[in-house]
Amino acid sequence: MLFDTIFFDLDGTLLPLDMDEFMKIYFGELGKSFQDIISADELVSHVWAGTEAMIANLEKKTNEQVFMDTFSQLIDGDLKVYQERFDRFYDEGFLKVRNSVQASPLIKQSVDVLKDKGYSLVIATNPLFPRKAILHRIDWAGLSPDDFEYISSYEQNCYCKPNPEFYTEILEALGKLPEQCMMVGNDVQEDMIVSSLGMKTWLITNHLIHRNDHPIECDYQGRYEDFYLFVCELPGLS
């Protein structure tokens, strides 16, 4: 079966970034946004606890619910105050994270080619962030939310990478079979796991993440230049 839908990871795939710098700026700005109600160290600890709970979750609860349930048990004070502060942070302090990213013209061109050829495109980023944080990063990549049929986020998704249920959740929402799709990502463990569902895989190696010394298994791999040439050779669907 010919695939007609392409799933994209965001950070390190559609959006080249320095992850260490990203985390440094992110937590630095987050600490400043909450400094009057909680220490930066304590806040970071609680955010990591909530993140780990989302990754470990196997229930049909949104990641936002899981995060806030965990976070609320760790803080002193009104959760609503923290929720409002988080919301404001993603409109303000989070924008400084842009200093850790750099758009790739080849990725923008690849997306344009795929759209012109009639492929359905999906943002399958690990849904650990609110939608507005993901929309900012799509914009920084030089892309538009309108380019994509589906965008994962912690408000709507119930599972996280590398749990295959995360991908199954998207497939069900789209009404697609795994064989109709290809996953493009830079993380061997989190993105290439989709092959277990029967989905094709394309590993972007510019910002490769590989956490062990096991052989890499994927259908295709290469740099942005290689991926662009690949999409140029794909047949048109429309």
C-alpha atoms as a PDB file:
ATOM      1  CA  MET A   1       0.000   0.000   0.000  1.00  0.00           C
ATOM      2  CA  LEU A   2       1.357   3.436  -0.975  1.00  0.00           C
ATOM      3  CA  PHE A   3       1.635   5.832   1.955  1.00  0.00           C
ATOM      4  CA  ASP A   4      -0.235   9.125   1.680  1.00  0.00           C
ATOM      5  CA  THR A   5       0.313  10.586   5.158  1.00  0.00           C
ATOM      6  CA  ILE A   6       3.568  11.732   6.731  1.00  0.00           C
ATOM      7  CA  PHE A   7       4.062  12.137  10.470  1.00  0.00           C
ATOM      8  CA  PHE A   8       6.754  14.613  11.526  1.00  0.00           C
ATOM      9  CA  ASP A   9       8.551  14.969  14.807  1.00  0.00           C
ATOM     10  CA  LEU A  10       9.111  18.641  15.643  1.00  0.00           C
ATOM     11  CA  ASP A  11      12.189  19.344  17.792  1.00  0.00           C
ATOM     12  CA  GLY A  12      15.346  18.233  15.998  1.00  0.00           C
ATOM     13  CA  THR A  13      13.378  17.273  12.876  1.00  0.00           C
ATOM     14  CA  LEU A  14      11.169  20.055  11.508  1.00  0.00           C
ATOM     15  CA  LEU A  15      12.878  22.480  13.880  1.00  0.00           C
ATOM     16  CA  PRO A  16      16.663  22.195  14.247  1.00  0.00           C
ATOM     17  CA  LEU A  17      17.679  23.103  17.784  1.00  0.00           C
ATOM     18  CA  ASP A  18      20.363  22.923  20.436  1.00  0.00           C
ATOM     19  CA  MET A  19      18.560  20.869  23.095  1.00  0.00           C
ATOM     20  CA  ASP A  20      20.942  21.825  25.910  1.00  0.00           C
ATOM     21  CA  GLU A  21      20.477  25.509  25.152  1.00  0.00           C
ATOM     22  CA  PHE A  22      16.721  24.994  24.790  1.00  0.00           C
ATOM     23  CA  MET A  23      16.458  23.455  28.257  1.00  0.00           C
ATOM     24  CA  LYS A  24      18.734  26.076  29.814  1.00  0.00           C
ATOM     25  CA  ILE A  25      16.656  28.970  28.488  1.00  0.00           C
ATOM     26  CA  TYR A  26      13.334  27.203  29.098  1.00  0.00           C
ATOM     27  CA  PHE A  27      13.904  26.465  32.760  1.00  0.00           C
ATOM     28  CA  GLY A  28      15.658  29.784  33.343  1.00  0.00           C
ATOM     29  CA  GLU A  29      12.699  31.758  32.029  1.00  0.00           C
ATOM     30  CA  LEU A  30      10.205  29.456  33.745  1.00  0.00           C
ATOM     31  CA  GLY A  31      11.891  30.083  37.084  1.00  0.00           C
ATOM     32  CA  LYS A  32      11.696  33.856  36.575  1.00  0.00           C
ATOM     33  CA  SER A  33       7.973  33.635  35.782  1.00  0.00           C
ATOM     34  CA  PHE A  34       7.210  31.922  39.102  1.00  0.00           C
ATOM     35  CA  GLN A  35       9.898  33.448  41.318  1.00  0.00           C
ATOM     36  CA  ASP A  36       7.435  35.257  43.579  1.00  0.00           C
ATOM     37  CA  ILE A  37       5.544  32.070  44.543  1.00  0.00           C
ATOM     38  CA  ILE A  38       8.062  29.202  44.357  1.00  0.00           C
ATOM     39  CA  SER A  39      11.831  28.718  44.144  1.00  0.00           C
ATOM     40  CA  ALA A  40      13.259  27.853  40.742  1.00  0.00           C
ATOM     41  CA  ASP A  41      14.763  24.573  41.988  1.00  0.00           C
ATOM     42  CA  GLU A  42      11.493  23.442  43.510  1.00  0.00           C
ATOM     43  CA  LEU A  43       9.514  24.413  40.420  1.00  0.00           C
ATOM     44  CA  VAL A  44      11.869  22.541  38.092  1.00  0.00           C
ATOM     45  CA  SER A  45      11.644  19.463  40.315  1.00  0.00           C
ATOM     46  CA  HIS A  46       7.836  19.554  40.209  1.00  0.00           C
ATOM     47  CA  VAL A  47       7.751  20.081  36.444  1.00  0.00           C
ATOM     48  CA  TRP A  48      10.026  17.082  35.927  1.00  0.00           C
ATOM     49  CA  ALA A  49       7.807  14.987  38.208  1.00  0.00           C
ATOM     50  CA  GLY A  50       4.777  15.949  36.142  1.00  0.00           C
ATOM     51  CA  THR A  51       6.649  15.202  32.925  1.00  0.00           C
ATOM     52  CA  GLU A  52       7.705  11.758  34.144  1.00  0.00           C
ATOM     53  CA  ALA A  53       4.088  11.050  35.116  1.00  0.00           C
ATOM     54  CA  MET A  54       2.924  11.911  31.583  1.00  0.00           C
ATOM     55  CA  ILE A  55       5.526   9.640  30.010  1.00  0.00           C
ATOM     56  CA  ALA A  56       4.613   6.766  32.347  1.00  0.00           C
ATOM     57  CA  ASN A  57       0.844   7.183  31.988  1.00  0.00           C
ATOM     58  CA  LEU A  58      -1.085   4.300  30.451  1.00  0.00           C
ATOM     59  CA  GLU A  59      -4.603   5.527  31.243  1.00  0.00           C
ATOM     60  CA  LYS A  60      -7.033   7.267  28.897  1.00  0.00           C
ATOM     61  CA  LYS A  61      -6.373  10.646  30.521  1.00  0.00           C
ATOM     62  CA  THR A  62      -4.960  13.632  28.681  1.00  0.00           C
ATOM     63  CA  ASN A  63      -1.367  14.473  29.404  1.00  0.00           C
ATOM     64  CA  GLU A  64      -2.541  17.834  30.737  1.00  0.00           C
ATOM     65  CA  GLN A  65      -4.728  16.050  33.309  1.00  0.00           C
ATOM     66  CA  VAL A  66      -1.886  13.750  34.311  1.00  0.00           C
ATOM     67  CA  PHE A  67       0.580  16.617  34.628  1.00  0.00           C
ATOM     68  CA  MET A  68      -1.731  18.828  36.661  1.00  0.00           C
ATOM     69  CA  ASP A  69      -2.832  15.959  38.918  1.00  0.00           C
ATOM     70  CA  THR A  70       0.805  15.273  39.778  1.00  0.00           C
ATOM     71  CA  PHE A  71       1.829  18.924  39.986  1.00  0.00           C
ATOM     72  CA  SER A  72      -1.087  19.834  42.269  1.00  0.00           C
ATOM     73  CA  GLN A  73       0.003  17.247  44.832  1.00  0.00           C
ATOM     74  CA  LEU A  74       3.474  18.787  45.071  1.00  0.00           C
ATOM     75  CA  ILE A  75       2.752  22.500  45.374  1.00  0.00           C
ATOM     76  CA  ASP A  76       1.579  24.637  48.241  1.00  0.00           C
ATOM     77  CA  GLY A  77      -1.127  26.987  47.046  1.00  0.00           C
ATOM     78  CA  ASP A  78      -3.921  27.265  44.517  1.00  0.00           C
ATOM     79  CA  LEU A  79      -3.403  25.197  41.359  1.00  0.00           C
ATOM     80  CA  LYS A  80      -5.415  27.736  39.369  1.00  0.00           C
ATOM     81  CA  VAL A  81      -2.819  30.412  40.143  1.00  0.00           C
ATOM     82  CA  TYR A  82      -0.108  28.155  38.760  1.00  0.00           C
ATOM     83  CA  GLN A  83      -2.175  27.270  35.697  1.00  0.00           C
ATOM     84  CA  GLU A  84      -2.701  30.948  34.888  1.00  0.00           C
ATOM     85  CA  ARG A  85       1.014  31.594  35.360  1.00  0.00           C
ATOM     86  CA  PHE A  86       1.943  28.726  33.035  1.00  0.00           C
ATOM     87  CA  ASP A  87      -0.457  30.086  30.428  1.00  0.00           C
ATOM     88  CA  ARG A  88       1.134  33.532  30.610  1.00  0.00           C
ATOM     89  CA  PHE A  89       4.637  32.064  30.486  1.00  0.00           C
ATOM     90  CA  TYR A  90       3.951  30.429  27.117  1.00  0.00           C
ATOM     91  CA  ASP A  91       2.934  33.839  25.754  1.00  0.00           C
ATOM     92  CA  GLU A  92       5.964  35.644  27.182  1.00  0.00           C
ATOM     93  CA  GLY A  93       9.057  34.006  28.683  1.00  0.00           C
ATOM     94  CA  PHE A  94       8.845  30.930  26.468  1.00  0.00           C
ATOM     95  CA  LEU A  95       9.418  33.110  23.395  1.00  0.00           C
ATOM     96  CA  LYS A  96      13.074  33.552  24.427  1.00  0.00           C
ATOM     97  CA  VAL A  97      13.611  29.841  23.752  1.00  0.00           C
ATOM     98  CA  ARG A  98      13.677  30.841  20.103  1.00  0.00           C
ATOM     99  CA  ASN A  99      17.359  31.719  20.604  1.00  0.00           C
ATOM    100  CA  SER A 100      18.114  27.975  20.735  1.00  0.00           C
ATOM    101  CA  VAL A 101      16.534  27.123  17.355  1.00  0.00           C
ATOM    102  CA  GLN A 102      17.256  27.774  13.709  1.00  0.00           C
ATOM    103  CA  ALA A 103      14.882  27.117  10.829  1.00  0.00           C
ATOM    104  CA  SER A 104      15.951  24.827   7.981  1.00  0.00           C
ATOM    105  CA  PRO A 105      15.073  26.098   4.478  1.00  0.00           C
ATOM    106  CA  LEU A 106      15.268  22.515   3.207  1.00  0.00           C
ATOM    107  CA  ILE A 107      12.594  21.381   5.663  1.00  0.00           C
ATOM    108  CA  LYS A 108      10.313  24.229   4.598  1.00  0.00           C
ATOM    109  CA  GLN A 109      10.889  23.284   0.955  1.00  0.00           C
ATOM    110  CA  SER A 110      10.249  19.604   1.721  1.00  0.00           C
ATOM    111  CA  VAL A 111       6.932  20.427   3.388  1.00  0.00           C
ATOM    112  CA  ASP A 112       5.929  22.612   0.451  1.00  0.00           C
ATOM    113  CA  VAL A 113       6.739  19.823  -2.029  1.00  0.00           C
ATOM    114  CA  LEU A 114       4.743  17.276  -0.034  1.00  0.00           C
ATOM    115  CA  LYS A 115       1.740  19.602   0.182  1.00  0.00           C
ATOM    116  CA  ASP A 116       1.889  20.281  -3.543  1.00  0.00           C
ATOM    117  CA  LYS A 117       1.938  16.544  -4.194  1.00  0.00           C
ATOM    118  CA  GLY A 118      -1.170  15.989  -2.083  1.00  0.00           C
ATOM    119  CA  TYR A 119       0.257  14.275   1.009  1.00  0.00           C
ATOM    120  CA  SER A 120      -1.440  14.725   4.390  1.00  0.00           C
ATOM    121  CA  LEU A 121       0.999  16.041   6.979  1.00  0.00           C
ATOM    122  CA  VAL A 122       0.939  15.512  10.735  1.00  0.00           C
ATOM    123  CA  ILE A 123       2.872  17.009  13.645  1.00  0.00           C
ATOM    124  CA  ALA A 124       3.616  14.043  15.915  1.00  0.00           C
ATOM    125  CA  THR A 125       5.729  15.826  18.517  1.00  0.00           C
ATOM    126  CA  ASN A 126       5.943  14.307  21.980  1.00  0.00           C
ATOM    127  CA  PRO A 127       2.861  15.925  23.597  1.00  0.00           C
ATOM    128  CA  LEU A 128       4.545  17.208  26.736  1.00  0.00           C
ATOM    129  CA  PHE A 129       3.804  20.870  25.997  1.00  0.00           C
ATOM    130  CA  PRO A 130       0.618  22.944  25.646  1.00  0.00           C
ATOM    131  CA  ARG A 131      -0.628  23.596  22.137  1.00  0.00           C
ATOM    132  CA  LYS A 132       0.443  27.240  22.182  1.00  0.00           C
ATOM    133  CA  ALA A 133       4.072  26.235  22.867  1.00  0.00           C
ATOM    134  CA  ILE A 134       3.921  23.855  19.913  1.00  0.00           C
ATOM    135  CA  LEU A 135       2.389  26.510  17.639  1.00  0.00           C
ATOM    136  CA  HIS A 136       5.255  28.872  18.513  1.00  0.00           C
ATOM    137  CA  ARG A 137       7.776  26.211  17.472  1.00  0.00           C
ATOM    138  CA  ILE A 138       5.941  25.500  14.226  1.00  0.00           C
ATOM    139  CA  ASP A 139       6.187  29.211  13.448  1.00  0.00           C
ATOM    140  CA  TRP A 140       9.896  29.284  14.308  1.00  0.00           C
ATOM    141  CA  ALA A 141      10.392  26.470  11.798  1.00  0.00           C
ATOM    142  CA  GLY A 142       8.965  28.781   9.114  1.00  0.00           C
ATOM    143  CA  LEU A 143       5.810  26.693   8.851  1.00  0.00           C
ATOM    144  CA  SER A 144       2.103  27.217   9.497  1.00  0.00           C
ATOM    145  CA  PRO A 145      -0.395  25.164  11.531  1.00  0.00           C
ATOM    146  CA  ASP A 146      -2.474  25.110   8.345  1.00  0.00           C
ATOM    147  CA  ASP A 147       0.216  22.937   6.756  1.00  0.00           C
ATOM    148  CA  PHE A 148      -0.824  20.061   9.023  1.00  0.00           C
ATOM    149  CA  GLU A 149      -3.940  17.960   9.332  1.00  0.00           C
ATOM    150  CA  TYR A 150      -3.193  17.088  12.953  1.00  0.00           C
ATOM    151  CA  ILE A 151      -0.975  18.615  15.653  1.00  0.00           C
ATOM    152  CA  SER A 152      -0.319  16.673  18.856  1.00  0.00           C
ATOM    153  CA  SER A 153      -0.382  18.510  22.194  1.00  0.00           C
ATOM    154  CA  TYR A 154      -0.750  17.760  25.869  1.00  0.00           C
ATOM    155  CA  GLU A 155      -4.317  19.037  25.893  1.00  0.00           C
ATOM    156  CA  GLN A 156      -5.587  16.364  23.488  1.00  0.00           C
ATOM    157  CA  ASN A 157      -3.206  13.393  23.631  1.00  0.00           C
ATOM    158  CA  CYS A 158      -3.253  10.719  26.320  1.00  0.00           C
ATOM    159  CA  TYR A 159       0.089   9.019  25.723  1.00  0.00           C
ATOM    160  CA  CYS A 160       3.702   9.958  25.093  1.00  0.00           C
ATOM    161  CA  LYS A 161       6.620   8.679  23.083  1.00  0.00           C
ATOM    162  CA  PRO A 162       7.965   6.007  22.990  1.00  0.00           C
ATOM    163  CA  ASN A 163       4.622   4.358  23.809  1.00  0.00           C
ATOM    164  CA  PRO A 164       3.214   3.107  20.461  1.00  0.00           C
ATOM    165  CA  GLU A 165      -0.251   4.014  21.797  1.00  0.00           C
ATOM    166  CA  PHE A 166       0.658   7.653  21.142  1.00  0.00           C
ATOM    167  CA  TYR A 167       0.905   6.908  17.430  1.00  0.00           C
ATOM    168  CA  THR A 168      -2.136   4.632  17.467  1.00  0.00           C
ATOM    169  CA  GLU A 169      -4.120   7.492  19.000  1.00  0.00           C
ATOM    170  CA  ILE A 170      -3.218   9.733  16.059  1.00  0.00           C
ATOM    171  CA  LEU A 171      -3.922   7.019  13.495  1.00  0.00           C
ATOM    172  CA  GLU A 172      -7.390   6.501  14.963  1.00  0.00           C
ATOM    173  CA  ALA A 173      -8.079  10.239  14.945  1.00  0.00           C
ATOM    174  CA  LEU A 174      -7.124  10.410  11.275  1.00  0.00           C
ATOM    175  CA  GLY A 175      -8.831   7.156  10.286  1.00  0.00           C
ATOM    176  CA  LYS A 176      -5.555   5.872   8.840  1.00  0.00           C
ATOM    177  CA  LEU A 177      -3.817   2.500   8.812  1.00  0.00           C
ATOM    178  CA  PRO A 178      -0.110   2.349   9.739  1.00  0.00           C
ATOM    179  CA  GLU A 179       0.722   1.180   6.210  1.00  0.00           C
ATOM    180  CA  GLN A 180      -0.670   4.443   4.839  1.00  0.00           C
ATOM    181  CA  CYS A 181       1.822   6.490   6.852  1.00  0.00           C
ATOM    182  CA  MET A 182       5.496   7.303   7.251  1.00  0.00           C
ATOM    183  CA  MET A 183       7.163   8.723  10.368  1.00  0.00           C
ATOM    184  CA  VAL A 184       9.976  11.241   9.971  1.00  0.00           C
ATOM    185  CA  GLY A 185      12.040  11.902  13.078  1.00  0.00           C
ATOM    186  CA  ASN A 186      15.516  12.252  14.575  1.00  0.00           C
ATOM    187  CA  ASP A 187      15.074  10.067  17.681  1.00  0.00           C
ATOM    188  CA  VAL A 188      15.783   6.371  17.173  1.00  0.00           C
ATOM    189  CA  GLN A 189      13.966   5.176  20.278  1.00  0.00           C
ATOM    190  CA  GLU A 190      11.017   7.588  20.278  1.00  0.00           C
ATOM    191  CA  ASP A 191      10.296   7.980  16.571  1.00  0.00           C
ATOM    192  CA  MET A 192      11.434   4.772  14.871  1.00  0.00           C
ATOM    193  CA  ILE A 193       9.287   2.742  17.327  1.00  0.00           C
ATOM    194  CA  VAL A 194       6.434   3.185  14.838  1.00  0.00           C
ATOM    195  CA  SER A 195       7.900   0.403  12.732  1.00  0.00           C
ATOM    196  CA  SER A 196       6.414  -1.970  15.329  1.00  0.00           C
ATOM    197  CA  LEU A 197       2.992  -0.833  14.106  1.00  0.00           C
ATOM    198  CA  GLY A 198       3.859  -1.375  10.454  1.00  0.00           C
ATOM    199  CA  MET A 199       4.614   2.257   9.602  1.00  0.00           C
ATOM    200  CA  LYS A 200       7.479   3.282   7.332  1.00  0.00           C
ATOM    201  CA  THR A 201      10.300   5.282   8.962  1.00  0.00           C
ATOM    202  CA  TRP A 202      12.671   8.046   7.841  1.00  0.00           C
ATOM    203  CA  LEU A 203      15.479   8.952  10.265  1.00  0.00           C
ATOM    204  CA  ILE A 204      16.834  12.501  10.032  1.00  0.00           C
ATOM    205  CA  THR A 205      20.453  12.394  11.194  1.00  0.00           C
ATOM    206  CA  ASN A 206      21.339  16.092  11.511  1.00  0.00           C
ATOM    207  CA  HIS A 207      20.330  16.107  15.182  1.00  0.00           C
ATOM    208  CA  LEU A 208      20.360  12.368  15.783  1.00  0.00           C
ATOM    209  CA  ILE A 209      19.321  11.021  19.186  1.00  0.00           C
ATOM    210  CA  HIS A 210      20.314   7.406  19.811  1.00  0.00           C
ATOM    211  CA  ARG A 211      20.461   6.314  23.447  1.00  0.00           C
ATOM    212  CA  ASN A 212      22.239   2.980  23.115  1.00  0.00           C
ATOM    213  CA  ASP A 213      24.663   1.092  20.896  1.00  0.00           C
ATOM    214  CA  HIS A 214      22.068  -1.152  19.282  1.00  0.00           C
ATOM    215  CA  PRO A 215      21.997  -1.160  15.469  1.00  0.00           C
ATOM    216  CA  ILE A 216      19.699   1.476  14.018  1.00  0.00           C
ATOM    217  CA  GLU A 217      16.733   0.035  12.151  1.00  0.00           C
ATOM    218  CA  CYS A 218      14.744   2.274   9.816  1.00  0.00           C
ATOM    219  CA  ASP A 219      13.542   2.263   6.223  1.00  0.00           C
ATOM    220  CA  TYR A 220      15.411   5.413   5.209  1.00  0.00           C
ATOM    221  CA  GLN A 221      17.937   7.718   6.814  1.00  0.00           C
ATOM    222  CA  GLY A 222      19.972  10.751   5.909  1.00  0.00           C
ATOM    223  CA  ARG A 223      20.382  14.468   6.360  1.00  0.00           C
ATOM    224  CA  TYR A 224      17.948  17.232   5.422  1.00  0.00           C
ATOM    225  CA  GLU A 225      19.402  17.308   1.912  1.00  0.00           C
ATOM    226  CA  ASP A 226      18.693  13.621   1.464  1.00  0.00           C
ATOM    227  CA  PHE A 227      15.145  13.942   2.751  1.00  0.00           C
ATOM    228  CA  TYR A 228      14.442  16.815   0.358  1.00  0.00           C
ATOM    229  CA  LEU A 229      15.651  14.729  -2.596  1.00  0.00           C
ATOM    230  CA  PHE A 230      13.517  11.838  -1.344  1.00  0.00           C
ATOM    231  CA  VAL A 231      10.300  13.876  -1.245  1.00  0.00           C
ATOM    232  CA  CYS A 232      11.042  15.367  -4.659  1.00  0.00           C
ATOM    233  CA  GLU A 233      11.060  11.824  -6.079  1.00  0.00           C
ATOM    234  CA  LEU A 234       7.789  10.769  -4.429  1.00  0.00           C
ATOM    235  CA  PRO A 235       4.798  10.364  -6.751  1.00  0.00           C
ATOM    236  CA  GLY A 236       2.087  12.997  -6.702  1.00  0.00           C
ATOM    237  CA  LEU A 237      -1.241  12.026  -5.190  1.00  0.00           C
ATOM    238  CA  SER A 238      -3.404  14.821  -6.490  1.00  0.00           C
END
